[in-house]
Amino acid sequence: MATVFKVDEAQADLSAVIDRALAGEDIVIARAGEPAVKLVPIAVQPRRKRVPGTMKGMFAFDDSFFDPLPEEELRAWEGR
């Protein structure tokens, strides 16, 4: 069975009402004595843990990648 709050009751202690909904309780907020909204938690997918090195070997750079830029291109990047 749902717990029903009047709008002003829910507004006065919104943090506690949210905590109760997150704990699994059915929360209904009523306006003028009529149920208006149901407060339910959002189902959030847990983030997968990042694993370093998962893309290792997927990219290859030849040694020229690390050479200094030509002067003309360097000026363009620097806005000169």
PDB file of N, CA and C in Angstrom:
ATOM      1  N   MET A   1       0.840  -1.183   0.000  1.00  0.00           N
ATOM      2  CA  MET A   1       0.000   0.000   0.000  1.00  0.00           C
ATOM      3  C   MET A   1       0.883   1.243   0.000  1.00  0.00           C
ATOM      4  N   ALA A   2       0.484   2.245  -0.736  1.00  0.00           N
ATOM      5  CA  ALA A   2       1.271   3.460  -0.886  1.00  0.00           C
ATOM      6  C   ALA A   2       1.058   4.401   0.297  1.00  0.00           C
ATOM      7  N   THR A   3       2.111   5.133   0.601  1.00  0.00           N
ATOM      8  CA  THR A   3       2.014   6.198   1.595  1.00  0.00           C
ATOM      9  C   THR A   3       1.630   7.470   0.856  1.00  0.00           C
ATOM     10  N   VAL A   4       0.573   8.131   1.335  1.00  0.00           N
ATOM     11  CA  VAL A   4       0.069   9.322   0.662  1.00  0.00           C
ATOM     12  C   VAL A   4       0.450  10.558   1.470  1.00  0.00           C
ATOM     13  N   PHE A   5       1.006  11.529   0.779  1.00  0.00           N
ATOM     14  CA  PHE A   5       1.368  12.813   1.380  1.00  0.00           C
ATOM     15  C   PHE A   5       0.588  13.913   0.688  1.00  0.00           C
ATOM     16  N   LYS A   6       0.188  14.914   1.455  1.00  0.00           N
ATOM     17  CA  LYS A   6      -0.350  16.127   0.844  1.00  0.00           C
ATOM     18  C   LYS A   6       0.846  16.894   0.281  1.00  0.00           C
ATOM     19  N   VAL A   7       0.595  17.748  -0.685  1.00  0.00           N
ATOM     20  CA  VAL A   7       1.683  18.494  -1.324  1.00  0.00           C
ATOM     21  C   VAL A   7       2.499  19.252  -0.292  1.00  0.00           C
ATOM     22  N   ASP A   8       1.841  19.956   0.631  1.00  0.00           N
ATOM     23  CA  ASP A   8       2.580  20.761   1.614  1.00  0.00           C
ATOM     24  C   ASP A   8       3.389  19.885   2.566  1.00  0.00           C
ATOM     25  N   GLU A   9       2.885  18.682   2.898  1.00  0.00           N
ATOM     26  CA  GLU A   9       3.651  17.764   3.746  1.00  0.00           C
ATOM     27  C   GLU A   9       4.909  17.285   3.018  1.00  0.00           C
ATOM     28  N   ALA A  10       4.746  16.904   1.760  1.00  0.00           N
ATOM     29  CA  ALA A  10       5.887  16.424   0.972  1.00  0.00           C
ATOM     30  C   ALA A  10       6.907  17.532   0.778  1.00  0.00           C
ATOM     31  N   GLN A  11       6.418  18.750   0.551  1.00  0.00           N
ATOM     32  CA  GLN A  11       7.312  19.881   0.325  1.00  0.00           C
ATOM     33  C   GLN A  11       8.087  20.227   1.596  1.00  0.00           C
ATOM     34  N   ALA A  12       7.455  20.109   2.732  1.00  0.00           N
ATOM     35  CA  ALA A  12       8.094  20.472   3.997  1.00  0.00           C
ATOM     36  C   ALA A  12       9.257  19.546   4.327  1.00  0.00           C
ATOM     37  N   ASP A  13       9.162  18.282   3.954  1.00  0.00           N
ATOM     38  CA  ASP A  13      10.221  17.331   4.285  1.00  0.00           C
ATOM     39  C   ASP A  13      10.572  16.486   3.057  1.00  0.00           C
ATOM     40  N   LEU A  14      10.832  17.180   1.944  1.00  0.00           N
ATOM     41  CA  LEU A  14      11.066  16.507   0.670  1.00  0.00           C
ATOM     42  C   LEU A  14      12.225  15.517   0.721  1.00  0.00           C
ATOM     43  N   SER A  15      13.281  15.865   1.410  1.00  0.00           N
ATOM     44  CA  SER A  15      14.445  14.987   1.475  1.00  0.00           C
ATOM     45  C   SER A  15      14.076  13.635   2.094  1.00  0.00           C
ATOM     46  N   ALA A  16      13.304  13.652   3.164  1.00  0.00           N
ATOM     47  CA  ALA A  16      12.895  12.408   3.822  1.00  0.00           C
ATOM     48  C   ALA A  16      11.946  11.609   2.930  1.00  0.00           C
ATOM     49  N   VAL A  17      11.055  12.297   2.220  1.00  0.00           N
ATOM     50  CA  VAL A  17      10.132  11.620   1.312  1.00  0.00           C
ATOM     51  C   VAL A  17      10.912  10.933   0.193  1.00  0.00           C
ATOM     52  N   ILE A  18      11.902  11.620  -0.350  1.00  0.00           N
ATOM     53  CA  ILE A  18      12.748  11.026  -1.394  1.00  0.00           C
ATOM     54  C   ILE A  18      13.498   9.812  -0.856  1.00  0.00           C
ATOM     55  N   ASP A  19      14.043   9.929   0.335  1.00  0.00           N
ATOM     56  CA  ASP A  19      14.762   8.800   0.939  1.00  0.00           C
ATOM     57  C   ASP A  19      13.853   7.584   1.082  1.00  0.00           C
ATOM     58  N   ARG A  20      12.597   7.803   1.478  1.00  0.00           N
ATOM     59  CA  ARG A  20      11.654   6.700   1.630  1.00  0.00           C
ATOM     60  C   ARG A  20      11.355   6.048   0.279  1.00  0.00           C
ATOM     61  N   ALA A  21      11.230   6.868  -0.765  1.00  0.00           N
ATOM     62  CA  ALA A  21      10.987   6.326  -2.109  1.00  0.00           C
ATOM     63  C   ALA A  21      12.196   5.523  -2.583  1.00  0.00           C
ATOM     64  N   LEU A  22      13.393   6.027  -2.320  1.00  0.00           N
ATOM     65  CA  LEU A  22      14.610   5.312  -2.708  1.00  0.00           C
ATOM     66  C   LEU A  22      14.753   3.990  -1.969  1.00  0.00           C
ATOM     67  N   ALA A  23      14.182   3.933  -0.764  1.00  0.00           N
ATOM     68  CA  ALA A  23      14.236   2.704   0.028  1.00  0.00           C
ATOM     69  C   ALA A  23      13.205   1.678  -0.443  1.00  0.00           C
ATOM     70  N   GLY A  24      12.386   2.054  -1.432  1.00  0.00           N
ATOM     71  CA  GLY A  24      11.437   1.104  -1.990  1.00  0.00           C
ATOM     72  C   GLY A  24       9.992   1.327  -1.613  1.00  0.00           C
ATOM     73  N   GLU A  25       9.735   2.329  -0.805  1.00  0.00           N
ATOM     74  CA  GLU A  25       8.360   2.602  -0.389  1.00  0.00           C
ATOM     75  C   GLU A  25       7.585   3.283  -1.525  1.00  0.00           C
ATOM     76  N   ASP A  26       6.327   2.916  -1.707  1.00  0.00           N
ATOM     77  CA  ASP A  26       5.471   3.573  -2.694  1.00  0.00           C
ATOM     78  C   ASP A  26       5.001   4.903  -2.111  1.00  0.00           C
ATOM     79  N   ILE A  27       5.318   5.994  -2.805  1.00  0.00           N
ATOM     80  CA  ILE A  27       4.961   7.335  -2.338  1.00  0.00           C
ATOM     81  C   ILE A  27       4.018   7.972  -3.350  1.00  0.00           C
ATOM     82  N   VAL A  28       2.885   8.462  -2.861  1.00  0.00           N
ATOM     83  CA  VAL A  28       1.925   9.173  -3.695  1.00  0.00           C
ATOM     84  C   VAL A  28       1.732  10.548  -3.082  1.00  0.00           C
ATOM     85  N   ILE A  29       1.753  11.566  -3.934  1.00  0.00           N
ATOM     86  CA  ILE A  29       1.517  12.939  -3.471  1.00  0.00           C
ATOM     87  C   ILE A  29       0.152  13.358  -3.995  1.00  0.00           C
ATOM     88  N   ALA A  30      -0.687  13.829  -3.053  1.00  0.00           N
ATOM     89  CA  ALA A  30      -2.067  14.179  -3.400  1.00  0.00           C
ATOM     90  C   ALA A  30      -2.251  15.693  -3.391  1.00  0.00           C
ATOM     91  N   ARG A  31      -3.096  16.136  -4.299  1.00  0.00           N
ATOM     92  CA  ARG A  31      -3.458  17.554  -4.379  1.00  0.00           C
ATOM     93  C   ARG A  31      -4.980  17.628  -4.226  1.00  0.00           C
ATOM     94  N   ALA A  32      -5.421  18.441  -3.304  1.00  0.00           N
ATOM     95  CA  ALA A  32      -6.858  18.611  -3.024  1.00  0.00           C
ATOM     96  C   ALA A  32      -7.515  17.264  -2.717  1.00  0.00           C
ATOM     97  N   GLY A  33      -6.793  16.403  -2.000  1.00  0.00           N
ATOM     98  CA  GLY A  33      -7.344  15.120  -1.594  1.00  0.00           C
ATOM     99  C   GLY A  33      -7.326  14.039  -2.658  1.00  0.00           C
ATOM    100  N   GLU A  34      -6.890  14.343  -3.862  1.00  0.00           N
ATOM    101  CA  GLU A  34      -6.846  13.378  -4.960  1.00  0.00           C
ATOM    102  C   GLU A  34      -5.399  13.028  -5.299  1.00  0.00           C
ATOM    103  N   PRO A  35      -5.083  11.750  -5.471  1.00  0.00           N
ATOM    104  CA  PRO A  35      -3.715  11.388  -5.867  1.00  0.00           C
ATOM    105  C   PRO A  35      -3.330  12.101  -7.157  1.00  0.00           C
ATOM    106  N   ALA A  36      -2.154  12.717  -7.141  1.00  0.00           N
ATOM    107  CA  ALA A  36      -1.709  13.489  -8.304  1.00  0.00           C
ATOM    108  C   ALA A  36      -0.472  12.872  -8.961  1.00  0.00           C
ATOM    109  N   VAL A  37       0.510  12.502  -8.148  1.00  0.00           N
ATOM    110  CA  VAL A  37       1.750  11.947  -8.701  1.00  0.00           C
ATOM    111  C   VAL A  37       2.266  10.816  -7.822  1.00  0.00           C
ATOM    112  N   LYS A  38       3.033   9.943  -8.455  1.00  0.00           N
ATOM    113  CA  LYS A  38       3.690   8.858  -7.730  1.00  0.00           C
ATOM    114  C   LYS A  38       5.191   9.101  -7.818  1.00  0.00           C
ATOM    115  N   LEU A  39       5.859   9.017  -6.705  1.00  0.00           N
ATOM    116  CA  LEU A  39       7.300   9.241  -6.648  1.00  0.00           C
ATOM    117  C   LEU A  39       7.996   7.889  -6.709  1.00  0.00           C
ATOM    118  N   VAL A  40       8.784   7.692  -7.767  1.00  0.00           N
ATOM    119  CA  VAL A  40       9.511   6.432  -7.934  1.00  0.00           C
ATOM    120  C   VAL A  40      10.974   6.734  -8.244  1.00  0.00           C
ATOM    121  N   PRO A  41      11.884   5.881  -7.774  1.00  0.00           N
ATOM    122  CA  PRO A  41      13.302   6.096  -8.091  1.00  0.00           C
ATOM    123  C   PRO A  41      13.587   5.787  -9.559  1.00  0.00           C
ATOM    124  N   ILE A  42      14.565   6.445 -10.096  1.00  0.00           N
ATOM    125  CA  ILE A  42      15.012   6.196 -11.469  1.00  0.00           C
ATOM    126  C   ILE A  42      15.967   5.020 -11.445  1.00  0.00           C
ATOM    127  N   ALA A  43      15.750   4.080 -12.336  1.00  0.00           N
ATOM    128  CA  ALA A  43      16.651   2.926 -12.440  1.00  0.00           C
ATOM    129  C   ALA A  43      17.887   3.371 -13.222  1.00  0.00           C
ATOM    130  N   VAL A  44      19.003   3.463 -12.548  1.00  0.00           N
ATOM    131  CA  VAL A  44      20.250   3.905 -13.166  1.00  0.00           C
ATOM    132  C   VAL A  44      21.149   2.693 -13.368  1.00  0.00           C
ATOM    133  N   GLN A  45      21.647   2.569 -14.579  1.00  0.00           N
ATOM    134  CA  GLN A  45      22.576   1.486 -14.872  1.00  0.00           C
ATOM    135  C   GLN A  45      23.922   1.796 -14.209  1.00  0.00           C
ATOM    136  N   PRO A  46      24.480   0.851 -13.478  1.00  0.00           N
ATOM    137  CA  PRO A  46      25.782   1.106 -12.866  1.00  0.00           C
ATOM    138  C   PRO A  46      26.848   1.266 -13.939  1.00  0.00           C
ATOM    139  N   ARG A  47      27.765   2.166 -13.690  1.00  0.00           N
ATOM    140  CA  ARG A  47      28.858   2.373 -14.648  1.00  0.00           C
ATOM    141  C   ARG A  47      29.822   1.205 -14.582  1.00  0.00           C
ATOM    142  N   ARG A  48      30.270   0.815 -15.784  1.00  0.00           N
ATOM    143  CA  ARG A  48      31.283  -0.228 -15.812  1.00  0.00           C
ATOM    144  C   ARG A  48      32.605   0.376 -15.370  1.00  0.00           C
ATOM    145  N   LYS A  49      33.350  -0.396 -14.627  1.00  0.00           N
ATOM    146  CA  LYS A  49      34.654   0.062 -14.176  1.00  0.00           C
ATOM    147  C   LYS A  49      35.607   0.132 -15.363  1.00  0.00           C
ATOM    148  N   ARG A  50      36.336   1.238 -15.460  1.00  0.00           N
ATOM    149  CA  ARG A  50      37.292   1.390 -16.549  1.00  0.00           C
ATOM    150  C   ARG A  50      38.514   0.524 -16.291  1.00  0.00           C
ATOM    151  N   VAL A  51      38.959  -0.121 -17.341  1.00  0.00           N
ATOM    152  CA  VAL A  51      40.126  -0.995 -17.240  1.00  0.00           C
ATOM    153  C   VAL A  51      41.225  -0.412 -18.119  1.00  0.00           C
ATOM    154  N   PRO A  52      42.332   0.007 -17.513  1.00  0.00           N
ATOM    155  CA  PRO A  52      43.418   0.563 -18.311  1.00  0.00           C
ATOM    156  C   PRO A  52      43.973  -0.463 -19.297  1.00  0.00           C
ATOM    157  N   GLY A  53      44.281   0.010 -20.485  1.00  0.00           N
ATOM    158  CA  GLY A  53      44.925  -0.835 -21.476  1.00  0.00           C
ATOM    159  C   GLY A  53      43.986  -1.624 -22.359  1.00  0.00           C
ATOM    160  N   THR A  54      42.678  -1.379 -22.276  1.00  0.00           N
ATOM    161  CA  THR A  54      41.742  -2.167 -23.082  1.00  0.00           C
ATOM    162  C   THR A  54      41.861  -1.855 -24.570  1.00  0.00           C
ATOM    163  N   MET A  55      42.447  -0.716 -24.932  1.00  0.00           N
ATOM    164  CA  MET A  55      42.598  -0.367 -26.352  1.00  0.00           C
ATOM    165  C   MET A  55      44.040  -0.551 -26.833  1.00  0.00           C
ATOM    166  N   LYS A  56      44.850  -1.183 -25.999  1.00  0.00           N
ATOM    167  CA  LYS A  56      46.251  -1.383 -26.350  1.00  0.00           C
ATOM    168  C   LYS A  56      46.363  -2.168 -27.656  1.00  0.00           C
ATOM    169  N   GLY A  57      47.189  -1.666 -28.563  1.00  0.00           N
ATOM    170  CA  GLY A  57      47.421  -2.337 -29.827  1.00  0.00           C
ATOM    171  C   GLY A  57      46.413  -1.999 -30.914  1.00  0.00           C
ATOM    172  N   MET A  58      45.413  -1.181 -30.598  1.00  0.00           N
ATOM    173  CA  MET A  58      44.394  -0.828 -31.586  1.00  0.00           C
ATOM    174  C   MET A  58      44.834   0.339 -32.467  1.00  0.00           C
ATOM    175  N   PHE A  59      45.870   1.045 -32.065  1.00  0.00           N
ATOM    176  CA  PHE A  59      46.361   2.196 -32.814  1.00  0.00           C
ATOM    177  C   PHE A  59      47.860   2.064 -32.996  1.00  0.00           C
ATOM    178  N   ALA A  60      48.327   2.558 -34.127  1.00  0.00           N
ATOM    179  CA  ALA A  60      49.764   2.525 -34.387  1.00  0.00           C
ATOM    180  C   ALA A  60      50.197   3.895 -34.886  1.00  0.00           C
ATOM    181  N   PHE A  61      51.298   4.393 -34.361  1.00  0.00           N
ATOM    182  CA  PHE A  61      51.855   5.675 -34.772  1.00  0.00           C
ATOM    183  C   PHE A  61      53.279   5.432 -35.240  1.00  0.00           C
ATOM    184  N   ASP A  62      53.602   5.984 -36.387  1.00  0.00           N
ATOM    185  CA  ASP A  62      55.000   5.857 -36.783  1.00  0.00           C
ATOM    186  C   ASP A  62      55.789   6.968 -36.092  1.00  0.00           C
ATOM    187  N   ASP A  63      57.088   6.885 -36.145  1.00  0.00           N
ATOM    188  CA  ASP A  63      57.940   7.810 -35.401  1.00  0.00           C
ATOM    189  C   ASP A  63      57.758   9.262 -35.816  1.00  0.00           C
ATOM    190  N   SER A  64      57.309   9.517 -37.051  1.00  0.00           N
ATOM    191  CA  SER A  64      57.145  10.894 -37.501  1.00  0.00           C
ATOM    192  C   SER A  64      56.001  11.608 -36.771  1.00  0.00           C
ATOM    193  N   PHE A  65      55.136  10.863 -36.121  1.00  0.00           N
ATOM    194  CA  PHE A  65      54.028  11.458 -35.368  1.00  0.00           C
ATOM    195  C   PHE A  65      54.558  12.414 -34.295  1.00  0.00           C
ATOM    196  N   PHE A  66      55.698  12.096 -33.728  1.00  0.00           N
ATOM    197  CA  PHE A  66      56.241  12.878 -32.626  1.00  0.00           C
ATOM    198  C   PHE A  66      57.217  13.961 -33.087  1.00  0.00           C
ATOM    199  N   ASP A  67      57.422  14.103 -34.405  1.00  0.00           N
ATOM    200  CA  ASP A  67      58.296  15.153 -34.926  1.00  0.00           C
ATOM    201  C   ASP A  67      57.652  16.520 -34.707  1.00  0.00           C
ATOM    202  N   PRO A  68      58.462  17.555 -34.552  1.00  0.00           N
ATOM    203  CA  PRO A  68      57.902  18.901 -34.409  1.00  0.00           C
ATOM    204  C   PRO A  68      57.093  19.282 -35.654  1.00  0.00           C
ATOM    205  N   LEU A  69      56.079  20.113 -35.464  1.00  0.00           N
ATOM    206  CA  LEU A  69      55.264  20.566 -36.585  1.00  0.00           C
ATOM    207  C   LEU A  69      56.063  21.492 -37.486  1.00  0.00           C
ATOM    208  N   PRO A  70      55.769  21.491 -38.784  1.00  0.00           N
ATOM    209  CA  PRO A  70      56.409  22.459 -39.667  1.00  0.00           C
ATOM    210  C   PRO A  70      56.025  23.874 -39.226  1.00  0.00           C
ATOM    211  N   GLU A  71      56.921  24.818 -39.480  1.00  0.00           N
ATOM    212  CA  GLU A  71      56.722  26.199 -39.021  1.00  0.00           C
ATOM    213  C   GLU A  71      55.396  26.781 -39.505  1.00  0.00           C
ATOM    214  N   GLU A  72      55.028  26.508 -40.751  1.00  0.00           N
ATOM    215  CA  GLU A  72      53.776  27.045 -41.299  1.00  0.00           C
ATOM    216  C   GLU A  72      52.558  26.523 -40.528  1.00  0.00           C
ATOM    217  N   GLU A  73      52.548  25.246 -40.229  1.00  0.00           N
ATOM    218  CA  GLU A  73      51.415  24.672 -39.489  1.00  0.00           C
ATOM    219  C   GLU A  73      51.401  25.143 -38.038  1.00  0.00           C
ATOM    220  N   LEU A  74      52.571  25.275 -37.457  1.00  0.00           N
ATOM    221  CA  LEU A  74      52.680  25.753 -36.090  1.00  0.00           C
ATOM    222  C   LEU A  74      52.118  27.173 -35.984  1.00  0.00           C
ATOM    223  N   ARG A  75      52.422  28.021 -36.970  1.00  0.00           N
ATOM    224  CA  ARG A  75      51.869  29.391 -36.974  1.00  0.00           C
ATOM    225  C   ARG A  75      50.354  29.351 -37.060  1.00  0.00           C
ATOM    226  N   ALA A  76      49.798  28.441 -37.868  1.00  0.00           N
ATOM    227  CA  ALA A  76      48.346  28.340 -38.020  1.00  0.00           C
ATOM    228  C   ALA A  76      47.696  27.923 -36.686  1.00  0.00           C
ATOM    229  N   TRP A  77      48.304  26.987 -36.008  1.00  0.00           N
ATOM    230  CA  TRP A  77      47.763  26.547 -34.715  1.00  0.00           C
ATOM    231  C   TRP A  77      47.839  27.656 -33.674  1.00  0.00           C
ATOM    232  N   GLU A  78      48.880  28.442 -33.725  1.00  0.00           N
ATOM    233  CA  GLU A  78      49.069  29.520 -32.734  1.00  0.00           C
ATOM    234  C   GLU A  78      48.347  30.793 -33.125  1.00  0.00           C
ATOM    235  N   GLY A  79      47.727  30.821 -34.315  1.00  0.00           N
ATOM    236  CA  GLY A  79      46.976  32.002 -34.725  1.00  0.00           C
ATOM    237  C   GLY A  79      47.858  33.148 -35.190  1.00  0.00           C
ATOM    238  N   ARG A  80      49.064  32.826 -35.628  1.00  0.00           N
ATOM    239  CA  ARG A  80      49.966  33.885 -36.108  1.00  0.00           C
ATOM    240  C   ARG A  80      49.851  34.039 -37.608  1.00  0.00           C
TER     241      ARG A  80
END
